[in-house]
């Protein structure tokens, strides 16, 4: 899971052999896991265009499109796609289900999750999807059971750890939520979104000193990322340090002019 180092090595390999299909796939996967979605999509598509025959590559591409917010693209490209491996097919159906859920098509999402679990009962993404459906109905018991099933299948699954934290927070269990957010960060220290979720949670709890410490840590880890500036701006606003907050938020808008929050 040392994605930064793996990306360097894979780029070195591709300088020597630009048409190395497996290296393109692995670079796309490492880019996806480290949050560089644009590079992930480019590299995964190149790997497939070069003739890579890999169920995992199709699943990774579907995950990338979903993470980019292109749920419609996932459905149009993968809703009827059939992979050779039942496990990979289950994972793909789970991603399609999440895409239906993102488009508020609950019945289609539920059907896709059930199909995934019928193919492979240990599909973490399908358990998470069912957990999200239950959470939307405030069925905390079922939602928690779904998250625990996902974690049983994939103990370091960051999405599951974050959802576990969100469920605690939604039920007003602040301390367990904080611990779960920290567990997600520990599982994937380079994943900026996990720390940003923790910062938002700490601000809601009025733990501004702790939120400021996390914002500083995020800034050190990703000094030029728009989310680092945004986290810093959020904390400074709550601390009523408005000139400094304005400066941080102007950096956000410089990099992303349409950033609504």
C-alpha atoms as a PDB file:
ATOM      1  CA  UNK A   1       0.000   0.000   0.000  1.00  0.00           C
ATOM      2  CA  UNK A   2       2.961   2.340  -0.506  1.00  0.00           C
ATOM      3  CA  UNK A   3       1.343   3.926  -3.519  1.00  0.00           C
ATOM      4  CA  UNK A   4       3.659   6.923  -3.808  1.00  0.00           C
ATOM      5  CA  UNK A   5       6.721   4.691  -4.125  1.00  0.00           C
ATOM      6  CA  UNK A   6       4.958   2.266  -6.449  1.00  0.00           C
ATOM      7  CA  UNK A   7       3.917   5.104  -8.776  1.00  0.00           C
ATOM      8  CA  UNK A   8       7.556   6.209  -9.100  1.00  0.00           C
ATOM      9  CA  UNK A   9       8.715   2.682  -9.925  1.00  0.00           C
ATOM     10  CA  UNK A  10       5.913   2.089 -12.415  1.00  0.00           C
ATOM     11  CA  UNK A  11       6.591   5.359 -14.222  1.00  0.00           C
ATOM     12  CA  UNK A  12      10.244   4.353 -14.475  1.00  0.00           C
ATOM     13  CA  UNK A  13       9.196   1.026 -15.977  1.00  0.00           C
ATOM     14  CA  UNK A  14       6.910   2.747 -18.490  1.00  0.00           C
ATOM     15  CA  UNK A  15       9.683   5.063 -19.622  1.00  0.00           C
ATOM     16  CA  UNK A  16      11.511   1.935 -20.792  1.00  0.00           C
ATOM     17  CA  UNK A  17       8.407   0.188 -22.138  1.00  0.00           C
ATOM     18  CA  UNK A  18       5.428   2.536 -22.709  1.00  0.00           C
ATOM     19  CA  UNK A  19       3.229  -0.321 -23.948  1.00  0.00           C
ATOM     20  CA  UNK A  20       3.635  -2.479 -20.843  1.00  0.00           C
ATOM     21  CA  UNK A  21      -0.031  -3.310 -20.176  1.00  0.00           C
ATOM     22  CA  UNK A  22       0.370  -4.628 -16.635  1.00  0.00           C
ATOM     23  CA  UNK A  23       2.426  -1.600 -15.593  1.00  0.00           C
ATOM     24  CA  UNK A  24      -0.273   0.702 -16.998  1.00  0.00           C
ATOM     25  CA  UNK A  25      -2.906  -1.197 -15.002  1.00  0.00           C
ATOM     26  CA  UNK A  26      -0.890  -1.100 -11.778  1.00  0.00           C
ATOM     27  CA  UNK A  27      -0.158   2.610 -12.248  1.00  0.00           C
ATOM     28  CA  UNK A  28      -3.880   3.230 -12.731  1.00  0.00           C
ATOM     29  CA  UNK A  29      -4.716   1.218  -9.629  1.00  0.00           C
ATOM     30  CA  UNK A  30      -2.080   2.997  -7.524  1.00  0.00           C
ATOM     31  CA  UNK A  31      -3.335   6.357  -8.793  1.00  0.00           C
ATOM     32  CA  UNK A  32      -6.905   5.400  -7.889  1.00  0.00           C
ATOM     33  CA  UNK A  33      -5.956   4.306  -4.381  1.00  0.00           C
ATOM     34  CA  UNK A  34      -3.952   7.491  -3.813  1.00  0.00           C
ATOM     35  CA  UNK A  35      -6.790   9.731  -5.006  1.00  0.00           C
ATOM     36  CA  UNK A  36      -5.409  10.837  -8.396  1.00  0.00           C
ATOM     37  CA  UNK A  37      -8.558   9.966 -10.315  1.00  0.00           C
ATOM     38  CA  UNK A  38      -7.650  11.699 -13.566  1.00  0.00           C
ATOM     39  CA  UNK A  39      -4.411   9.720 -13.905  1.00  0.00           C
ATOM     40  CA  UNK A  40      -6.188   6.557 -12.815  1.00  0.00           C
ATOM     41  CA  UNK A  41      -8.758   6.812 -15.602  1.00  0.00           C
ATOM     42  CA  UNK A  42      -6.107   7.576 -18.236  1.00  0.00           C
ATOM     43  CA  UNK A  43      -3.841   4.684 -17.253  1.00  0.00           C
ATOM     44  CA  UNK A  44      -6.584   2.093 -16.850  1.00  0.00           C
ATOM     45  CA  UNK A  45      -8.060   2.951 -20.239  1.00  0.00           C
ATOM     46  CA  UNK A  46      -4.588   2.744 -21.805  1.00  0.00           C
ATOM     47  CA  UNK A  47      -4.051  -0.692 -20.259  1.00  0.00           C
ATOM     48  CA  UNK A  48      -7.328  -1.953 -21.720  1.00  0.00           C
ATOM     49  CA  UNK A  49      -6.658  -0.315 -25.099  1.00  0.00           C
ATOM     50  CA  UNK A  50      -3.291  -2.095 -25.174  1.00  0.00           C
ATOM     51  CA  UNK A  51      -5.156  -5.384 -24.904  1.00  0.00           C
ATOM     52  CA  UNK A  52      -4.965  -6.182 -21.205  1.00  0.00           C
ATOM     53  CA  UNK A  53      -7.430  -8.971 -20.455  1.00  0.00           C
ATOM     54  CA  UNK A  54      -8.168  -8.383 -16.792  1.00  0.00           C
ATOM     55  CA  UNK A  55     -11.410  -8.456 -14.820  1.00  0.00           C
ATOM     56  CA  UNK A  56      -9.671  -6.424 -12.120  1.00  0.00           C
ATOM     57  CA  UNK A  57      -8.897  -3.626 -14.587  1.00  0.00           C
ATOM     58  CA  UNK A  58     -12.567  -3.256 -15.500  1.00  0.00           C
ATOM     59  CA  UNK A  59     -13.536  -3.159 -11.817  1.00  0.00           C
ATOM     60  CA  UNK A  60     -10.856  -0.539 -11.128  1.00  0.00           C
ATOM     61  CA  UNK A  61     -12.060   1.600 -14.048  1.00  0.00           C
ATOM     62  CA  UNK A  62     -15.660   1.400 -12.807  1.00  0.00           C
ATOM     63  CA  UNK A  63     -14.507   2.408  -9.314  1.00  0.00           C
ATOM     64  CA  UNK A  64     -12.573   5.323 -10.793  1.00  0.00           C
ATOM     65  CA  UNK A  65     -15.552   6.644 -12.745  1.00  0.00           C
ATOM     66  CA  UNK A  66     -17.756   6.390  -9.657  1.00  0.00           C
ATOM     67  CA  UNK A  67     -15.167   8.212  -7.527  1.00  0.00           C
ATOM     68  CA  UNK A  68     -15.047  10.969 -10.172  1.00  0.00           C
ATOM     69  CA  UNK A  69     -18.804  11.382  -9.830  1.00  0.00           C
ATOM     70  CA  UNK A  70     -19.636   9.807 -13.192  1.00  0.00           C
ATOM     71  CA  UNK A  71     -22.296   7.415 -11.894  1.00  0.00           C
ATOM     72  CA  UNK A  72     -24.146   7.592 -15.209  1.00  0.00           C
ATOM     73  CA  UNK A  73     -20.969   6.528 -16.999  1.00  0.00           C
ATOM     74  CA  UNK A  74     -20.591   3.502 -14.757  1.00  0.00           C
ATOM     75  CA  UNK A  75     -24.160   2.398 -15.430  1.00  0.00           C
ATOM     76  CA  UNK A  76     -23.927   2.917 -19.192  1.00  0.00           C
ATOM     77  CA  UNK A  77     -20.588   1.103 -19.522  1.00  0.00           C
ATOM     78  CA  UNK A  78     -20.840  -1.628 -16.919  1.00  0.00           C
ATOM     79  CA  UNK A  79     -24.476  -2.378 -16.030  1.00  0.00           C
ATOM     80  CA  UNK A  80     -24.593  -5.212 -18.571  1.00  0.00           C
ATOM     81  CA  UNK A  81     -20.883  -6.103 -18.480  1.00  0.00           C
ATOM     82  CA  UNK A  82     -20.115  -9.745 -17.659  1.00  0.00           C
ATOM     83  CA  UNK A  83     -16.711 -10.698 -16.269  1.00  0.00           C
ATOM     84  CA  UNK A  84     -15.211 -14.171 -16.201  1.00  0.00           C
ATOM     85  CA  UNK A  85     -14.577 -14.363 -12.454  1.00  0.00           C
ATOM     86  CA  UNK A  86     -17.607 -14.570 -10.103  1.00  0.00           C
ATOM     87  CA  UNK A  87     -15.662 -12.588  -7.488  1.00  0.00           C
ATOM     88  CA  UNK A  88     -14.821  -9.797  -9.928  1.00  0.00           C
ATOM     89  CA  UNK A  89     -18.373  -9.837 -11.287  1.00  0.00           C
ATOM     90  CA  UNK A  90     -19.676  -9.435  -7.735  1.00  0.00           C
ATOM     91  CA  UNK A  91     -17.359  -6.473  -7.170  1.00  0.00           C
ATOM     92  CA  UNK A  92     -18.486  -4.890 -10.439  1.00  0.00           C
ATOM     93  CA  UNK A  93     -22.161  -5.354  -9.561  1.00  0.00           C
ATOM     94  CA  UNK A  94     -21.484  -3.663  -6.216  1.00  0.00           C
ATOM     95  CA  UNK A  95     -19.945  -0.649  -7.991  1.00  0.00           C
ATOM     96  CA  UNK A  96     -22.922  -0.520 -10.355  1.00  0.00           C
ATOM     97  CA  UNK A  97     -25.195  -0.651  -7.302  1.00  0.00           C
ATOM     98  CA  UNK A  98     -23.360   2.274  -5.721  1.00  0.00           C
ATOM     99  CA  UNK A  99     -23.768   4.163  -8.994  1.00  0.00           C
ATOM    100  CA  UNK A 100     -27.521   3.535  -8.971  1.00  0.00           C
ATOM    101  CA  UNK A 101     -27.571   4.713  -5.355  1.00  0.00           C
ATOM    102  CA  UNK A 102     -25.718   7.902  -6.307  1.00  0.00           C
ATOM    103  CA  UNK A 103     -28.498   8.564  -8.831  1.00  0.00           C
ATOM    104  CA  UNK A 104     -31.157   7.872  -6.173  1.00  0.00           C
ATOM    105  CA  UNK A 105     -32.353   4.716  -7.918  1.00  0.00           C
ATOM    106  CA  UNK A 106     -32.856   2.726  -4.763  1.00  0.00           C
ATOM    107  CA  UNK A 107     -34.605  -0.335  -6.202  1.00  0.00           C
ATOM    108  CA  UNK A 108     -31.940  -0.832  -8.885  1.00  0.00           C
ATOM    109  CA  UNK A 109     -29.188  -0.339  -6.289  1.00  0.00           C
ATOM    110  CA  UNK A 110     -30.672  -2.899  -3.932  1.00  0.00           C
ATOM    111  CA  UNK A 111     -31.075  -5.429  -6.744  1.00  0.00           C
ATOM    112  CA  UNK A 112     -27.437  -4.984  -7.791  1.00  0.00           C
ATOM    113  CA  UNK A 113     -26.184  -5.398  -4.214  1.00  0.00           C
ATOM    114  CA  UNK A 114     -28.234  -8.567  -3.750  1.00  0.00           C
ATOM    115  CA  UNK A 115     -26.931  -9.948  -7.025  1.00  0.00           C
ATOM    116  CA  UNK A 116     -23.358  -9.216  -5.918  1.00  0.00           C
ATOM    117  CA  UNK A 117     -23.844 -10.993  -2.598  1.00  0.00           C
ATOM    118  CA  UNK A 118     -25.407 -13.983  -4.351  1.00  0.00           C
ATOM    119  CA  UNK A 119     -22.255 -14.244  -6.468  1.00  0.00           C
ATOM    120  CA  UNK A 120     -19.884 -13.733  -3.546  1.00  0.00           C
ATOM    121  CA  UNK A 121     -21.144 -13.272   0.006  1.00  0.00           C
ATOM    122  CA  UNK A 122     -17.859 -11.641   1.024  1.00  0.00           C
ATOM    123  CA  UNK A 123     -18.166  -8.693  -1.369  1.00  0.00           C
ATOM    124  CA  UNK A 124     -17.365  -5.713   0.867  1.00  0.00           C
ATOM    125  CA  UNK A 125     -18.828  -3.138  -1.536  1.00  0.00           C
ATOM    126  CA  UNK A 126     -22.207  -4.882  -1.604  1.00  0.00           C
ATOM    127  CA  UNK A 127     -22.360  -5.072   2.198  1.00  0.00           C
ATOM    128  CA  UNK A 128     -21.522  -1.369   2.322  1.00  0.00           C
ATOM    129  CA  UNK A 129     -24.241  -0.600  -0.191  1.00  0.00           C
ATOM    130  CA  UNK A 130     -26.825  -2.432   1.880  1.00  0.00           C
ATOM    131  CA  UNK A 131     -25.523  -0.601   4.944  1.00  0.00           C
ATOM    132  CA  UNK A 132     -26.011   2.747   3.233  1.00  0.00           C
ATOM    133  CA  UNK A 133     -29.560   1.819   2.266  1.00  0.00           C
ATOM    134  CA  UNK A 134     -30.296   0.851   5.862  1.00  0.00           C
ATOM    135  CA  UNK A 135     -28.654   4.008   7.198  1.00  0.00           C
ATOM    136  CA  UNK A 136     -30.830   6.153   4.948  1.00  0.00           C
ATOM    137  CA  UNK A 137     -33.830   4.567   6.702  1.00  0.00           C
ATOM    138  CA  UNK A 138     -32.175   5.123  10.109  1.00  0.00           C
ATOM    139  CA  UNK A 139     -32.090   1.375  10.593  1.00  0.00           C
ATOM    140  CA  UNK A 140     -28.873   1.636  12.583  1.00  0.00           C
ATOM    141  CA  UNK A 141     -28.773  -2.024  13.558  1.00  0.00           C
ATOM    142  CA  UNK A 142     -28.873  -3.263   9.962  1.00  0.00           C
ATOM    143  CA  UNK A 143     -26.517  -0.531   8.810  1.00  0.00           C
ATOM    144  CA  UNK A 144     -23.974  -1.432  11.481  1.00  0.00           C
ATOM    145  CA  UNK A 145     -24.293  -5.131  10.630  1.00  0.00           C
ATOM    146  CA  UNK A 146     -23.573  -4.330   6.979  1.00  0.00           C
ATOM    147  CA  UNK A 147     -20.467  -2.338   7.876  1.00  0.00           C
ATOM    148  CA  UNK A 148     -19.186  -5.096  10.173  1.00  0.00           C
ATOM    149  CA  UNK A 149     -19.736  -7.659   7.400  1.00  0.00           C
ATOM    150  CA  UNK A 150     -17.726  -5.458   5.028  1.00  0.00           C
ATOM    151  CA  UNK A 151     -14.921  -5.123   7.568  1.00  0.00           C
ATOM    152  CA  UNK A 152     -14.930  -8.868   8.178  1.00  0.00           C
ATOM    153  CA  UNK A 153     -14.329  -9.346   4.456  1.00  0.00           C
ATOM    154  CA  UNK A 154     -11.838  -6.465   4.184  1.00  0.00           C
ATOM    155  CA  UNK A 155     -10.519  -5.269   7.590  1.00  0.00           C
ATOM    156  CA  UNK A 156      -8.581  -2.310   6.177  1.00  0.00           C
ATOM    157  CA  UNK A 157     -11.419  -1.132   3.913  1.00  0.00           C
ATOM    158  CA  UNK A 158     -11.276   2.637   4.319  1.00  0.00           C
ATOM    159  CA  UNK A 159     -14.770   3.217   2.942  1.00  0.00           C
ATOM    160  CA  UNK A 160     -16.174   0.810   5.536  1.00  0.00           C
ATOM    161  CA  UNK A 161     -14.235   2.476   8.344  1.00  0.00           C
ATOM    162  CA  UNK A 162     -15.491   5.891   7.248  1.00  0.00           C
ATOM    163  CA  UNK A 163     -19.083   4.689   7.031  1.00  0.00           C
ATOM    164  CA  UNK A 164     -18.735   3.156  10.497  1.00  0.00           C
ATOM    165  CA  UNK A 165     -17.604   6.549  11.763  1.00  0.00           C
ATOM    166  CA  UNK A 166     -20.446   8.321   9.953  1.00  0.00           C
ATOM    167  CA  UNK A 167     -22.981   5.957  11.533  1.00  0.00           C
ATOM    168  CA  UNK A 168     -21.617   6.662  14.998  1.00  0.00           C
ATOM    169  CA  UNK A 169     -21.751  10.403  14.287  1.00  0.00           C
ATOM    170  CA  UNK A 170     -25.325  10.199  12.978  1.00  0.00           C
ATOM    171  CA  UNK A 171     -26.352   8.534  16.246  1.00  0.00           C
ATOM    172  CA  UNK A 172     -24.642  11.208  18.345  1.00  0.00           C
ATOM    173  CA  UNK A 173     -21.838   8.905  19.511  1.00  0.00           C
ATOM    174  CA  UNK A 174     -19.038  11.432  19.176  1.00  0.00           C
ATOM    175  CA  UNK A 175     -16.120   9.581  20.777  1.00  0.00           C
ATOM    176  CA  UNK A 176     -16.624   6.260  18.944  1.00  0.00           C
ATOM    177  CA  UNK A 177     -16.982   8.272  15.729  1.00  0.00           C
ATOM    178  CA  UNK A 178     -13.671  10.036  16.365  1.00  0.00           C
ATOM    179  CA  UNK A 179     -11.933   6.694  16.983  1.00  0.00           C
ATOM    180  CA  UNK A 180     -13.384   5.235  13.794  1.00  0.00           C
ATOM    181  CA  UNK A 181     -12.269   8.231  11.719  1.00  0.00           C
ATOM    182  CA  UNK A 182      -8.766   7.867  13.151  1.00  0.00           C
ATOM    183  CA  UNK A 183      -8.811   4.150  12.305  1.00  0.00           C
ATOM    184  CA  UNK A 184      -9.613   5.058   8.694  1.00  0.00           C
ATOM    185  CA  UNK A 185      -6.698   7.508   8.609  1.00  0.00           C
ATOM    186  CA  UNK A 186      -4.385   4.876  10.075  1.00  0.00           C
ATOM    187  CA  UNK A 187      -5.496   2.405   7.406  1.00  0.00           C
ATOM    188  CA  UNK A 188      -4.749   4.878   4.603  1.00  0.00           C
ATOM    189  CA  UNK A 189      -2.588   7.801   5.817  1.00  0.00           C
ATOM    190  CA  UNK A 190      -2.306   9.261   2.321  1.00  0.00           C
ATOM    191  CA  UNK A 191      -6.077   9.420   1.769  1.00  0.00           C
ATOM    192  CA  UNK A 192      -6.948  13.082   2.210  1.00  0.00           C
ATOM    193  CA  UNK A 193     -10.706  12.552   2.367  1.00  0.00           C
ATOM    194  CA  UNK A 194     -10.489  10.497   5.563  1.00  0.00           C
ATOM    195  CA  UNK A 195      -8.699  13.251   7.475  1.00  0.00           C
ATOM    196  CA  UNK A 196     -11.044  15.879   6.043  1.00  0.00           C
ATOM    197  CA  UNK A 197     -14.022  13.892   7.367  1.00  0.00           C
ATOM    198  CA  UNK A 198     -12.395  13.808  10.805  1.00  0.00           C
ATOM    199  CA  UNK A 199     -11.794  17.561  10.742  1.00  0.00           C
ATOM    200  CA  UNK A 200     -15.430  18.214   9.828  1.00  0.00           C
ATOM    201  CA  UNK A 201     -16.561  15.908  12.638  1.00  0.00           C
ATOM    202  CA  UNK A 202     -14.316  17.635  15.203  1.00  0.00           C
ATOM    203  CA  UNK A 203     -15.642  21.047  14.148  1.00  0.00           C
ATOM    204  CA  UNK A 204     -19.206  19.825  14.658  1.00  0.00           C
ATOM    205  CA  UNK A 205     -18.190  18.687  18.143  1.00  0.00           C
ATOM    206  CA  UNK A 206     -16.615  22.113  18.778  1.00  0.00           C
ATOM    207  CA  UNK A 207     -13.242  20.421  19.344  1.00  0.00           C
ATOM    208  CA  UNK A 208     -11.509  23.250  17.538  1.00  0.00           C
ATOM    209  CA  UNK A 209      -8.035  22.664  18.972  1.00  0.00           C
ATOM    210  CA  UNK A 210      -8.071  19.056  17.789  1.00  0.00           C
ATOM    211  CA  UNK A 211      -9.523  20.107  14.429  1.00  0.00           C
ATOM    212  CA  UNK A 212      -6.738  22.668  14.003  1.00  0.00           C
ATOM    213  CA  UNK A 213      -4.105  20.013  14.749  1.00  0.00           C
ATOM    214  CA  UNK A 214      -5.604  17.716  12.106  1.00  0.00           C
ATOM    215  CA  UNK A 215      -5.761  20.574   9.589  1.00  0.00           C
ATOM    216  CA  UNK A 216      -2.053  21.255  10.225  1.00  0.00           C
ATOM    217  CA  UNK A 217      -1.271  17.564   9.695  1.00  0.00           C
ATOM    218  CA  UNK A 218      -3.246  17.586   6.451  1.00  0.00           C
ATOM    219  CA  UNK A 219      -1.420  20.685   5.250  1.00  0.00           C
ATOM    220  CA  UNK A 220       1.944  19.011   5.908  1.00  0.00           C
ATOM    221  CA  UNK A 221       0.870  15.856   4.101  1.00  0.00           C
ATOM    222  CA  UNK A 222      -0.636  17.631   1.068  1.00  0.00           C
ATOM    223  CA  UNK A 223       0.447  21.289   1.090  1.00  0.00           C
ATOM    224  CA  UNK A 224      -0.899  22.152  -2.362  1.00  0.00           C
ATOM    225  CA  UNK A 225      -4.134  20.145  -2.297  1.00  0.00           C
ATOM    226  CA  UNK A 226      -7.324  22.212  -2.421  1.00  0.00           C
ATOM    227  CA  UNK A 227      -8.776  20.164   0.449  1.00  0.00           C
ATOM    228  CA  UNK A 228      -5.909  21.216   2.706  1.00  0.00           C
ATOM    229  CA  UNK A 229      -6.683  24.878   2.115  1.00  0.00           C
ATOM    230  CA  UNK A 230     -10.386  24.224   2.608  1.00  0.00           C
ATOM    231  CA  UNK A 231      -9.851  22.363   5.904  1.00  0.00           C
ATOM    232  CA  UNK A 232      -7.649  25.175   7.163  1.00  0.00           C
ATOM    233  CA  UNK A 233     -10.239  27.741   6.126  1.00  0.00           C
ATOM    234  CA  UNK A 234     -13.059  25.875   7.896  1.00  0.00           C
ATOM    235  CA  UNK A 235     -11.123  25.741  11.165  1.00  0.00           C
ATOM    236  CA  UNK A 236     -10.066  29.390  10.974  1.00  0.00           C
ATOM    237  CA  UNK A 237     -13.651  30.516  10.387  1.00  0.00           C
ATOM    238  CA  UNK A 238     -14.768  28.625  13.497  1.00  0.00           C
ATOM    239  CA  UNK A 239     -11.877  30.211  15.428  1.00  0.00           C
ATOM    240  CA  UNK A 240     -13.116  33.593  14.154  1.00  0.00           C
ATOM    241  CA  UNK A 241      -9.736  34.311  12.580  1.00  0.00           C
ATOM    242  CA  UNK A 242     -11.363  35.797   9.543  1.00  0.00           C
ATOM    243  CA  UNK A 243      -8.403  37.445   7.713  1.00  0.00           C
ATOM    244  CA  UNK A 244      -6.432  34.159   7.808  1.00  0.00           C
ATOM    245  CA  UNK A 245      -9.565  32.206   6.843  1.00  0.00           C
ATOM    246  CA  UNK A 246     -10.144  34.501   3.880  1.00  0.00           C
ATOM    247  CA  UNK A 247      -6.570  33.933   2.695  1.00  0.00           C
ATOM    248  CA  UNK A 248      -6.934  30.128   2.890  1.00  0.00           C
ATOM    249  CA  UNK A 249     -10.309  30.110   1.159  1.00  0.00           C
ATOM    250  CA  UNK A 250      -9.061  32.374  -1.616  1.00  0.00           C
ATOM    251  CA  UNK A 251      -6.458  29.676  -2.322  1.00  0.00           C
ATOM    252  CA  UNK A 252      -9.310  27.178  -2.658  1.00  0.00           C
ATOM    253  CA  UNK A 253     -11.118  29.386  -5.156  1.00  0.00           C
ATOM    254  CA  UNK A 254      -7.914  30.087  -7.050  1.00  0.00           C
ATOM    255  CA  UNK A 255      -7.459  26.373  -7.629  1.00  0.00           C
ATOM    256  CA  UNK A 256     -11.146  25.458  -7.926  1.00  0.00           C
ATOM    257  CA  UNK A 257     -13.286  28.522  -8.823  1.00  0.00           C
ATOM    258  CA  UNK A 258     -16.564  26.560  -8.679  1.00  0.00           C
ATOM    259  CA  UNK A 259     -15.946  25.142  -5.159  1.00  0.00           C
ATOM    260  CA  UNK A 260     -19.365  25.897  -3.641  1.00  0.00           C
ATOM    261  CA  UNK A 261     -18.674  25.185   0.086  1.00  0.00           C
END
